[in-house]
Amino acid sequence: MGFDLYGIHPKNPDNIQKPYYDWSKDHTEKETEEYFNEIDAFELAVPGNYFRANVWGWRPLWQFVCEFCSDFLSEKDMRAGDFNDGMKICKTKAKR
């Protein structure tokens, strides 16, 4: 179990298209492997698109963020970071 963070509008100056995979269809092993290779390349090329951390790595990282960003993160923001339920940080706060 872990925490998944997605950038809502990450910088993508080369306008690279995110690979699509239709999970409702049966794919060959080769097609699936190609998709995962493409998504890995996309994530490397578009920083801020996706970040993941296991629960043991996330907690200390979020605690650090809360400690050093407490001047602009609300109590609600800080509490919400302990859950993986779709919380959003606005662009202004994210840039700070």
PDB file of N, CA and C in Angstrom:
ATOM      1  N   MET A   1       0.848  -1.179   0.000  1.00  0.00           N
ATOM      2  CA  MET A   1       0.000   0.000   0.000  1.00  0.00           C
ATOM      3  C   MET A   1       0.885   1.230   0.000  1.00  0.00           C
ATOM      4  N   GLY A   2       0.432   2.246  -0.687  1.00  0.00           N
ATOM      5  CA  GLY A   2       1.229   3.453  -0.766  1.00  0.00           C
ATOM      6  C   GLY A   2       0.390   4.655  -1.129  1.00  0.00           C
ATOM      7  N   PHE A   3       1.075   5.717  -1.450  1.00  0.00           N
ATOM      8  CA  PHE A   3       0.443   6.980  -1.803  1.00  0.00           C
ATOM      9  C   PHE A   3       0.820   7.330  -3.228  1.00  0.00           C
ATOM     10  N   ASP A   4      -0.163   7.722  -4.013  1.00  0.00           N
ATOM     11  CA  ASP A   4       0.029   8.079  -5.406  1.00  0.00           C
ATOM     12  C   ASP A   4      -0.333   9.545  -5.579  1.00  0.00           C
ATOM     13  N   LEU A   5       0.588  10.313  -6.147  1.00  0.00           N
ATOM     14  CA  LEU A   5       0.337  11.728  -6.405  1.00  0.00           C
ATOM     15  C   LEU A   5       0.393  11.963  -7.904  1.00  0.00           C
ATOM     16  N   TYR A   6      -0.592  12.672  -8.412  1.00  0.00           N
ATOM     17  CA  TYR A   6      -0.652  13.007  -9.832  1.00  0.00           C
ATOM     18  C   TYR A   6      -0.640  14.519  -9.985  1.00  0.00           C
ATOM     19  N   GLY A   7       0.228  15.014 -10.856  1.00  0.00           N
ATOM     20  CA  GLY A   7       0.221  16.427 -11.175  1.00  0.00           C
ATOM     21  C   GLY A   7      -0.994  16.737 -12.032  1.00  0.00           C
ATOM     22  N   ILE A   8      -1.737  17.764 -11.662  1.00  0.00           N
ATOM     23  CA  ILE A   8      -2.950  18.089 -12.420  1.00  0.00           C
ATOM     24  C   ILE A   8      -2.579  18.685 -13.779  1.00  0.00           C
ATOM     25  N   HIS A   9      -1.619  19.585 -13.782  1.00  0.00           N
ATOM     26  CA  HIS A   9      -1.144  20.186 -15.030  1.00  0.00           C
ATOM     27  C   HIS A   9       0.381  20.248 -15.004  1.00  0.00           C
ATOM     28  N   PRO A  10       1.057  19.098 -15.101  1.00  0.00           N
ATOM     29  CA  PRO A  10       2.522  19.131 -15.055  1.00  0.00           C
ATOM     30  C   PRO A  10       3.086  19.805 -16.301  1.00  0.00           C
ATOM     31  N   LYS A  11       4.278  20.355 -16.167  1.00  0.00           N
ATOM     32  CA  LYS A  11       4.924  20.991 -17.323  1.00  0.00           C
ATOM     33  C   LYS A  11       5.283  19.921 -18.341  1.00  0.00           C
ATOM     34  N   ASN A  12       4.860  20.155 -19.556  1.00  0.00           N
ATOM     35  CA  ASN A  12       5.086  19.217 -20.651  1.00  0.00           C
ATOM     36  C   ASN A  12       5.430  20.036 -21.889  1.00  0.00           C
ATOM     37  N   PRO A  13       6.627  20.670 -21.898  1.00  0.00           N
ATOM     38  CA  PRO A  13       6.953  21.597 -22.983  1.00  0.00           C
ATOM     39  C   PRO A  13       7.015  20.955 -24.367  1.00  0.00           C
ATOM     40  N   ASP A  14       7.299  19.651 -24.435  1.00  0.00           N
ATOM     41  CA  ASP A  14       7.347  18.975 -25.733  1.00  0.00           C
ATOM     42  C   ASP A  14       5.996  18.388 -26.126  1.00  0.00           C
ATOM     43  N   ASN A  15       4.976  18.625 -25.287  1.00  0.00           N
ATOM     44  CA  ASN A  15       3.614  18.166 -25.546  1.00  0.00           C
ATOM     45  C   ASN A  15       3.555  16.662 -25.847  1.00  0.00           C
ATOM     46  N   ILE A  16       4.251  15.898 -25.027  1.00  0.00           N
ATOM     47  CA  ILE A  16       4.281  14.447 -25.185  1.00  0.00           C
ATOM     48  C   ILE A  16       2.929  13.884 -24.764  1.00  0.00           C
ATOM     49  N   GLN A  17       2.382  13.009 -25.582  1.00  0.00           N
ATOM     50  CA  GLN A  17       1.088  12.405 -25.287  1.00  0.00           C
ATOM     51  C   GLN A  17       1.266  11.235 -24.327  1.00  0.00           C
ATOM     52  N   LYS A  18       0.423  11.198 -23.311  1.00  0.00           N
ATOM     53  CA  LYS A  18       0.458  10.099 -22.353  1.00  0.00           C
ATOM     54  C   LYS A  18      -0.068   8.834 -23.031  1.00  0.00           C
ATOM     55  N   PRO A  19       0.643   7.729 -22.898  1.00  0.00           N
ATOM     56  CA  PRO A  19       0.178   6.485 -23.521  1.00  0.00           C
ATOM     57  C   PRO A  19      -1.166   6.049 -22.948  1.00  0.00           C
ATOM     58  N   TYR A  20      -1.960   5.439 -23.785  1.00  0.00           N
ATOM     59  CA  TYR A  20      -3.282   4.952 -23.375  1.00  0.00           C
ATOM     60  C   TYR A  20      -3.293   3.431 -23.470  1.00  0.00           C
ATOM     61  N   TYR A  21      -3.959   2.829 -22.523  1.00  0.00           N
ATOM     62  CA  TYR A  21      -4.087   1.367 -22.497  1.00  0.00           C
ATOM     63  C   TYR A  21      -5.524   1.041 -22.112  1.00  0.00           C
ATOM     64  N   ASP A  22      -6.217   0.334 -22.952  1.00  0.00           N
ATOM     65  CA  ASP A  22      -7.607  -0.032 -22.676  1.00  0.00           C
ATOM     66  C   ASP A  22      -7.615  -1.305 -21.833  1.00  0.00           C
ATOM     67  N   TRP A  23      -7.858  -1.127 -20.541  1.00  0.00           N
ATOM     68  CA  TRP A  23      -7.797  -2.247 -19.602  1.00  0.00           C
ATOM     69  C   TRP A  23      -8.958  -3.222 -19.776  1.00  0.00           C
ATOM     70  N   SER A  24      -9.983  -2.858 -20.533  1.00  0.00           N
ATOM     71  CA  SER A  24     -11.127  -3.749 -20.725  1.00  0.00           C
ATOM     72  C   SER A  24     -10.869  -4.787 -21.815  1.00  0.00           C
ATOM     73  N   LYS A  25      -9.790  -4.624 -22.578  1.00  0.00           N
ATOM     74  CA  LYS A  25      -9.474  -5.548 -23.670  1.00  0.00           C
ATOM     75  C   LYS A  25      -8.371  -6.508 -23.254  1.00  0.00           C
ATOM     76  N   ASP A  26      -8.346  -7.638 -23.927  1.00  0.00           N
ATOM     77  CA  ASP A  26      -7.249  -8.588 -23.734  1.00  0.00           C
ATOM     78  C   ASP A  26      -6.080  -8.150 -24.603  1.00  0.00           C
ATOM     79  N   HIS A  27      -4.912  -8.068 -24.005  1.00  0.00           N
ATOM     80  CA  HIS A  27      -3.710  -7.670 -24.729  1.00  0.00           C
ATOM     81  C   HIS A  27      -2.674  -8.779 -24.637  1.00  0.00           C
ATOM     82  N   THR A  28      -1.810  -8.798 -25.617  1.00  0.00           N
ATOM     83  CA  THR A  28      -0.711  -9.757 -25.545  1.00  0.00           C
ATOM     84  C   THR A  28       0.281  -9.282 -24.482  1.00  0.00           C
ATOM     85  N   GLU A  29       1.110 -10.189 -24.068  1.00  0.00           N
ATOM     86  CA  GLU A  29       2.139  -9.845 -23.088  1.00  0.00           C
ATOM     87  C   GLU A  29       3.076  -8.770 -23.649  1.00  0.00           C
ATOM     88  N   LYS A  30       3.363  -8.863 -24.946  1.00  0.00           N
ATOM     89  CA  LYS A  30       4.225  -7.880 -25.600  1.00  0.00           C
ATOM     90  C   LYS A  30       3.577  -6.489 -25.594  1.00  0.00           C
ATOM     91  N   GLU A  31       2.288  -6.416 -25.902  1.00  0.00           N
ATOM     92  CA  GLU A  31       1.577  -5.131 -25.895  1.00  0.00           C
ATOM     93  C   GLU A  31       1.580  -4.511 -24.496  1.00  0.00           C
ATOM     94  N   THR A  32       1.366  -5.343 -23.496  1.00  0.00           N
ATOM     95  CA  THR A  32       1.362  -4.858 -22.111  1.00  0.00           C
ATOM     96  C   THR A  32       2.743  -4.354 -21.717  1.00  0.00           C
ATOM     97  N   GLU A  33       3.767  -5.099 -22.084  1.00  0.00           N
ATOM     98  CA  GLU A  33       5.140  -4.678 -21.778  1.00  0.00           C
ATOM     99  C   GLU A  33       5.472  -3.372 -22.485  1.00  0.00           C
ATOM    100  N   GLU A  34       5.054  -3.231 -23.743  1.00  0.00           N
ATOM    101  CA  GLU A  34       5.290  -1.991 -24.494  1.00  0.00           C
ATOM    102  C   GLU A  34       4.602  -0.813 -23.818  1.00  0.00           C
ATOM    103  N   TYR A  35       3.364  -1.020 -23.347  1.00  0.00           N
ATOM    104  CA  TYR A  35       2.654   0.056 -22.655  1.00  0.00           C
ATOM    105  C   TYR A  35       3.424   0.505 -21.417  1.00  0.00           C
ATOM    106  N   PHE A  36       3.847  -0.441 -20.594  1.00  0.00           N
ATOM    107  CA  PHE A  36       4.556  -0.066 -19.371  1.00  0.00           C
ATOM    108  C   PHE A  36       5.889   0.605 -19.678  1.00  0.00           C
ATOM    109  N   ASN A  37       6.560   0.201 -20.733  1.00  0.00           N
ATOM    110  CA  ASN A  37       7.786   0.892 -21.141  1.00  0.00           C
ATOM    111  C   ASN A  37       7.480   2.321 -21.585  1.00  0.00           C
ATOM    112  N   GLU A  38       6.393   2.490 -22.326  1.00  0.00           N
ATOM    113  CA  GLU A  38       5.991   3.818 -22.793  1.00  0.00           C
ATOM    114  C   GLU A  38       5.580   4.718 -21.626  1.00  0.00           C
ATOM    115  N   ILE A  39       4.849   4.183 -20.663  1.00  0.00           N
ATOM    116  CA  ILE A  39       4.412   5.004 -19.528  1.00  0.00           C
ATOM    117  C   ILE A  39       5.602   5.382 -18.660  1.00  0.00           C
ATOM    118  N   ASP A  40       6.567   4.471 -18.508  1.00  0.00           N
ATOM    119  CA  ASP A  40       7.794   4.804 -17.772  1.00  0.00           C
ATOM    120  C   ASP A  40       8.545   5.937 -18.461  1.00  0.00           C
ATOM    121  N   ALA A  41       8.660   5.860 -19.786  1.00  0.00           N
ATOM    122  CA  ALA A  41       9.348   6.914 -20.547  1.00  0.00           C
ATOM    123  C   ALA A  41       8.595   8.236 -20.422  1.00  0.00           C
ATOM    124  N   PHE A  42       7.269   8.192 -20.483  1.00  0.00           N
ATOM    125  CA  PHE A  42       6.461   9.399 -20.342  1.00  0.00           C
ATOM    126  C   PHE A  42       6.681  10.039 -18.977  1.00  0.00           C
ATOM    127  N   GLU A  43       6.654   9.237 -17.919  1.00  0.00           N
ATOM    128  CA  GLU A  43       6.830   9.771 -16.563  1.00  0.00           C
ATOM    129  C   GLU A  43       8.211  10.379 -16.365  1.00  0.00           C
ATOM    130  N   LEU A  44       9.224   9.829 -17.011  1.00  0.00           N
ATOM    131  CA  LEU A  44      10.559  10.421 -16.934  1.00  0.00           C
ATOM    132  C   LEU A  44      10.630  11.731 -17.716  1.00  0.00           C
ATOM    133  N   ALA A  45       9.926  11.797 -18.832  1.00  0.00           N
ATOM    134  CA  ALA A  45       9.964  12.985 -19.693  1.00  0.00           C
ATOM    135  C   ALA A  45       9.083  14.121 -19.185  1.00  0.00           C
ATOM    136  N   VAL A  46       8.094  13.802 -18.356  1.00  0.00           N
ATOM    137  CA  VAL A  46       7.157  14.812 -17.865  1.00  0.00           C
ATOM    138  C   VAL A  46       7.195  14.795 -16.330  1.00  0.00           C
ATOM    139  N   PRO A  47       8.223  15.434 -15.741  1.00  0.00           N
ATOM    140  CA  PRO A  47       8.308  15.443 -14.280  1.00  0.00           C
ATOM    141  C   PRO A  47       7.098  16.128 -13.668  1.00  0.00           C
ATOM    142  N   GLY A  48       6.652  15.584 -12.563  1.00  0.00           N
ATOM    143  CA  GLY A  48       5.477  16.148 -11.907  1.00  0.00           C
ATOM    144  C   GLY A  48       4.187  15.490 -12.323  1.00  0.00           C
ATOM    145  N   ASN A  49       4.244  14.590 -13.298  1.00  0.00           N
ATOM    146  CA  ASN A  49       3.038  13.893 -13.710  1.00  0.00           C
ATOM    147  C   ASN A  49       2.606  12.881 -12.659  1.00  0.00           C
ATOM    148  N   TYR A  50       3.561  12.123 -12.107  1.00  0.00           N
ATOM    149  CA  TYR A  50       3.205  11.053 -11.182  1.00  0.00           C
ATOM    150  C   TYR A  50       4.333  10.819 -10.189  1.00  0.00           C
ATOM    151  N   PHE A  51       3.945  10.641  -8.940  1.00  0.00           N
ATOM    152  CA  PHE A  51       4.897  10.303  -7.880  1.00  0.00           C
ATOM    153  C   PHE A  51       4.246   9.267  -6.987  1.00  0.00           C
ATOM    154  N   ARG A  52       5.011   8.275  -6.595  1.00  0.00           N
ATOM    155  CA  ARG A  52       4.476   7.253  -5.694  1.00  0.00           C
ATOM    156  C   ARG A  52       5.464   7.019  -4.566  1.00  0.00           C
ATOM    157  N   ALA A  53       4.929   6.694  -3.407  1.00  0.00           N
ATOM    158  CA  ALA A  53       5.744   6.350  -2.246  1.00  0.00           C
ATOM    159  C   ALA A  53       4.976   5.329  -1.418  1.00  0.00           C
ATOM    160  N   ASN A  54       5.696   4.344  -0.886  1.00  0.00           N
ATOM    161  CA  ASN A  54       5.007   3.399  -0.013  1.00  0.00           C
ATOM    162  C   ASN A  54       4.655   4.109   1.292  1.00  0.00           C
ATOM    163  N   VAL A  55       3.814   3.481   2.067  1.00  0.00           N
ATOM    164  CA  VAL A  55       3.306   4.122   3.276  1.00  0.00           C
ATOM    165  C   VAL A  55       4.441   4.487   4.239  1.00  0.00           C
ATOM    166  N   TRP A  56       5.483   3.673   4.285  1.00  0.00           N
ATOM    167  CA  TRP A  56       6.596   3.929   5.209  1.00  0.00           C
ATOM    168  C   TRP A  56       7.448   5.105   4.748  1.00  0.00           C
ATOM    169  N   GLY A  57       7.544   5.316   3.458  1.00  0.00           N
ATOM    170  CA  GLY A  57       8.300   6.458   2.943  1.00  0.00           C
ATOM    171  C   GLY A  57       7.478   7.741   2.905  1.00  0.00           C
ATOM    172  N   TRP A  58       6.159   7.597   2.687  1.00  0.00           N
ATOM    173  CA  TRP A  58       5.304   8.770   2.563  1.00  0.00           C
ATOM    174  C   TRP A  58       5.149   9.529   3.875  1.00  0.00           C
ATOM    175  N   ARG A  59       4.928   8.822   4.968  1.00  0.00           N
ATOM    176  CA  ARG A  59       4.638   9.490   6.244  1.00  0.00           C
ATOM    177  C   ARG A  59       5.746  10.474   6.640  1.00  0.00           C
ATOM    178  N   PRO A  60       7.014  10.069   6.664  1.00  0.00           N
ATOM    179  CA  PRO A  60       8.052  11.046   7.032  1.00  0.00           C
ATOM    180  C   PRO A  60       8.192  12.175   6.008  1.00  0.00           C
ATOM    181  N   LEU A  61       7.965  11.865   4.735  1.00  0.00           N
ATOM    182  CA  LEU A  61       8.038  12.907   3.708  1.00  0.00           C
ATOM    183  C   LEU A  61       6.926  13.936   3.917  1.00  0.00           C
ATOM    184  N   TRP A  62       5.702  13.466   4.179  1.00  0.00           N
ATOM    185  CA  TRP A  62       4.588  14.391   4.396  1.00  0.00           C
ATOM    186  C   TRP A  62       4.782  15.186   5.689  1.00  0.00           C
ATOM    187  N   GLN A  63       5.330  14.555   6.698  1.00  0.00           N
ATOM    188  CA  GLN A  63       5.612  15.260   7.957  1.00  0.00           C
ATOM    189  C   GLN A  63       6.605  16.400   7.701  1.00  0.00           C
ATOM    190  N   PHE A  64       7.617  16.141   6.893  1.00  0.00           N
ATOM    191  CA  PHE A  64       8.593  17.164   6.513  1.00  0.00           C
ATOM    192  C   PHE A  64       7.898  18.318   5.782  1.00  0.00           C
ATOM    193  N   VAL A  65       7.045  17.982   4.814  1.00  0.00           N
ATOM    194  CA  VAL A  65       6.317  19.006   4.053  1.00  0.00           C
ATOM    195  C   VAL A  65       5.474  19.860   4.997  1.00  0.00           C
ATOM    196  N   CYS A  66       4.754  19.214   5.906  1.00  0.00           N
ATOM    197  CA  CYS A  66       3.893  19.950   6.841  1.00  0.00           C
ATOM    198  C   CYS A  66       4.716  20.873   7.734  1.00  0.00           C
ATOM    199  N   GLU A  67       5.858  20.401   8.190  1.00  0.00           N
ATOM    200  CA  GLU A  67       6.693  21.214   9.074  1.00  0.00           C
ATOM    201  C   GLU A  67       7.225  22.460   8.372  1.00  0.00           C
ATOM    202  N   PHE A  68       7.658  22.305   7.130  1.00  0.00           N
ATOM    203  CA  PHE A  68       8.268  23.423   6.432  1.00  0.00           C
ATOM    204  C   PHE A  68       7.293  24.247   5.598  1.00  0.00           C
ATOM    205  N   CYS A  69       6.060  23.803   5.502  1.00  0.00           N
ATOM    206  CA  CYS A  69       5.058  24.538   4.724  1.00  0.00           C
ATOM    207  C   CYS A  69       3.862  24.939   5.583  1.00  0.00           C
ATOM    208  N   SER A  70       4.017  24.889   6.882  1.00  0.00           N
ATOM    209  CA  SER A  70       2.892  25.169   7.775  1.00  0.00           C
ATOM    210  C   SER A  70       2.435  26.626   7.712  1.00  0.00           C
ATOM    211  N   ASP A  71       3.253  27.501   7.124  1.00  0.00           N
ATOM    212  CA  ASP A  71       2.842  28.898   7.012  1.00  0.00           C
ATOM    213  C   ASP A  71       1.793  29.118   5.913  1.00  0.00           C
ATOM    214  N   PHE A  72       1.616  28.146   5.006  1.00  0.00           N
ATOM    215  CA  PHE A  72       0.587  28.321   3.978  1.00  0.00           C
ATOM    216  C   PHE A  72      -0.299  27.090   3.766  1.00  0.00           C
ATOM    217  N   LEU A  73       0.074  25.931   4.306  1.00  0.00           N
ATOM    218  CA  LEU A  73      -0.840  24.785   4.257  1.00  0.00           C
ATOM    219  C   LEU A  73      -1.820  24.905   5.416  1.00  0.00           C
ATOM    220  N   SER A  74      -3.078  24.660   5.142  1.00  0.00           N
ATOM    221  CA  SER A  74      -4.082  24.715   6.209  1.00  0.00           C
ATOM    222  C   SER A  74      -4.013  23.427   7.035  1.00  0.00           C
ATOM    223  N   GLU A  75      -4.661  23.455   8.188  1.00  0.00           N
ATOM    224  CA  GLU A  75      -4.741  22.243   9.015  1.00  0.00           C
ATOM    225  C   GLU A  75      -5.446  21.136   8.228  1.00  0.00           C
ATOM    226  N   LYS A  76      -6.458  21.524   7.468  1.00  0.00           N
ATOM    227  CA  LYS A  76      -7.195  20.557   6.656  1.00  0.00           C
ATOM    228  C   LYS A  76      -6.267  19.927   5.608  1.00  0.00           C
ATOM    229  N   ASP A  77      -5.435  20.749   4.941  1.00  0.00           N
ATOM    230  CA  ASP A  77      -4.465  20.234   3.973  1.00  0.00           C
ATOM    231  C   ASP A  77      -3.533  19.223   4.639  1.00  0.00           C
ATOM    232  N   MET A  78      -3.018  19.588   5.799  1.00  0.00           N
ATOM    233  CA  MET A  78      -2.042  18.740   6.475  1.00  0.00           C
ATOM    234  C   MET A  78      -2.666  17.423   6.928  1.00  0.00           C
ATOM    235  N   ARG A  79      -3.890  17.467   7.418  1.00  0.00           N
ATOM    236  CA  ARG A  79      -4.567  16.222   7.820  1.00  0.00           C
ATOM    237  C   ARG A  79      -4.868  15.354   6.600  1.00  0.00           C
ATOM    238  N   ALA A  80      -5.283  15.980   5.513  1.00  0.00           N
ATOM    239  CA  ALA A  80      -5.670  15.239   4.313  1.00  0.00           C
ATOM    240  C   ALA A  80      -4.487  14.501   3.689  1.00  0.00           C
ATOM    241  N   GLY A  81      -3.283  14.993   3.891  1.00  0.00           N
ATOM    242  CA  GLY A  81      -2.107  14.346   3.338  1.00  0.00           C
ATOM    243  C   GLY A  81      -1.798  12.999   3.951  1.00  0.00           C
ATOM    244  N   ASP A  82      -2.486  12.654   5.018  1.00  0.00           N
ATOM    245  CA  ASP A  82      -2.309  11.344   5.639  1.00  0.00           C
ATOM    246  C   ASP A  82      -3.192  10.277   4.999  1.00  0.00           C
ATOM    247  N   PHE A  83      -3.974  10.660   3.998  1.00  0.00           N
ATOM    248  CA  PHE A  83      -4.883   9.729   3.342  1.00  0.00           C
ATOM    249  C   PHE A  83      -4.664   9.770   1.835  1.00  0.00           C
ATOM    250  N   ASN A  84      -4.961   8.692   1.168  1.00  0.00           N
ATOM    251  CA  ASN A  84      -4.803   8.580  -0.282  1.00  0.00           C
ATOM    252  C   ASN A  84      -6.187   8.608  -0.913  1.00  0.00           C
ATOM    253  N   ASP A  85      -6.876   9.769  -0.746  1.00  0.00           N
ATOM    254  CA  ASP A  85      -8.278   9.802  -1.176  1.00  0.00           C
ATOM    255  C   ASP A  85      -8.616  10.929  -2.146  1.00  0.00           C
ATOM    256  N   GLY A  86      -7.642  11.415  -2.870  1.00  0.00           N
ATOM    257  CA  GLY A  86      -7.942  12.383  -3.911  1.00  0.00           C
ATOM    258  C   GLY A  86      -7.834  13.843  -3.519  1.00  0.00           C
ATOM    259  N   MET A  87      -7.193  14.145  -2.417  1.00  0.00           N
ATOM    260  CA  MET A  87      -7.016  15.537  -2.005  1.00  0.00           C
ATOM    261  C   MET A  87      -6.252  16.312  -3.090  1.00  0.00           C
ATOM    262  N   LYS A  88      -6.611  17.553  -3.281  1.00  0.00           N
ATOM    263  CA  LYS A  88      -5.922  18.395  -4.259  1.00  0.00           C
ATOM    264  C   LYS A  88      -5.282  19.582  -3.547  1.00  0.00           C
ATOM    265  N   ILE A  89      -4.071  19.904  -3.972  1.00  0.00           N
ATOM    266  CA  ILE A  89      -3.370  21.109  -3.505  1.00  0.00           C
ATOM    267  C   ILE A  89      -3.442  22.097  -4.669  1.00  0.00           C
ATOM    268  N   CYS A  90      -3.866  23.309  -4.405  1.00  0.00           N
ATOM    269  CA  CYS A  90      -3.992  24.293  -5.486  1.00  0.00           C
ATOM    270  C   CYS A  90      -2.615  24.643  -6.067  1.00  0.00           C
ATOM    271  N   LYS A  91      -2.632  25.181  -7.259  1.00  0.00           N
ATOM    272  CA  LYS A  91      -1.414  25.504  -7.996  1.00  0.00           C
ATOM    273  C   LYS A  91      -0.505  26.433  -7.204  1.00  0.00           C
ATOM    274  N   THR A  92      -1.072  27.445  -6.563  1.00  0.00           N
ATOM    275  CA  THR A  92      -0.271  28.411  -5.800  1.00  0.00           C
ATOM    276  C   THR A  92       0.478  27.723  -4.665  1.00  0.00           C
ATOM    277  N   LYS A  93      -0.216  26.906  -3.911  1.00  0.00           N
ATOM    278  CA  LYS A  93       0.432  26.178  -2.808  1.00  0.00           C
ATOM    279  C   LYS A  93       1.444  25.189  -3.333  1.00  0.00           C
ATOM    280  N   ALA A  94       1.114  24.492  -4.395  1.00  0.00           N
ATOM    281  CA  ALA A  94       2.038  23.494  -4.956  1.00  0.00           C
ATOM    282  C   ALA A  94       3.337  24.135  -5.414  1.00  0.00           C
ATOM    283  N   LYS A  95       3.247  25.320  -6.005  1.00  0.00           N
ATOM    284  CA  LYS A  95       4.465  25.993  -6.479  1.00  0.00           C
ATOM    285  C   LYS A  95       5.330  26.483  -5.310  1.00  0.00           C
ATOM    286  N   ARG A  96       4.674  26.914  -4.234  1.00  0.00           N
ATOM    287  CA  ARG A  96       5.419  27.379  -3.069  1.00  0.00           C
ATOM    288  C   ARG A  96       6.187  26.242  -2.464  1.00  0.00           C
TER     289      ARG A  96
END
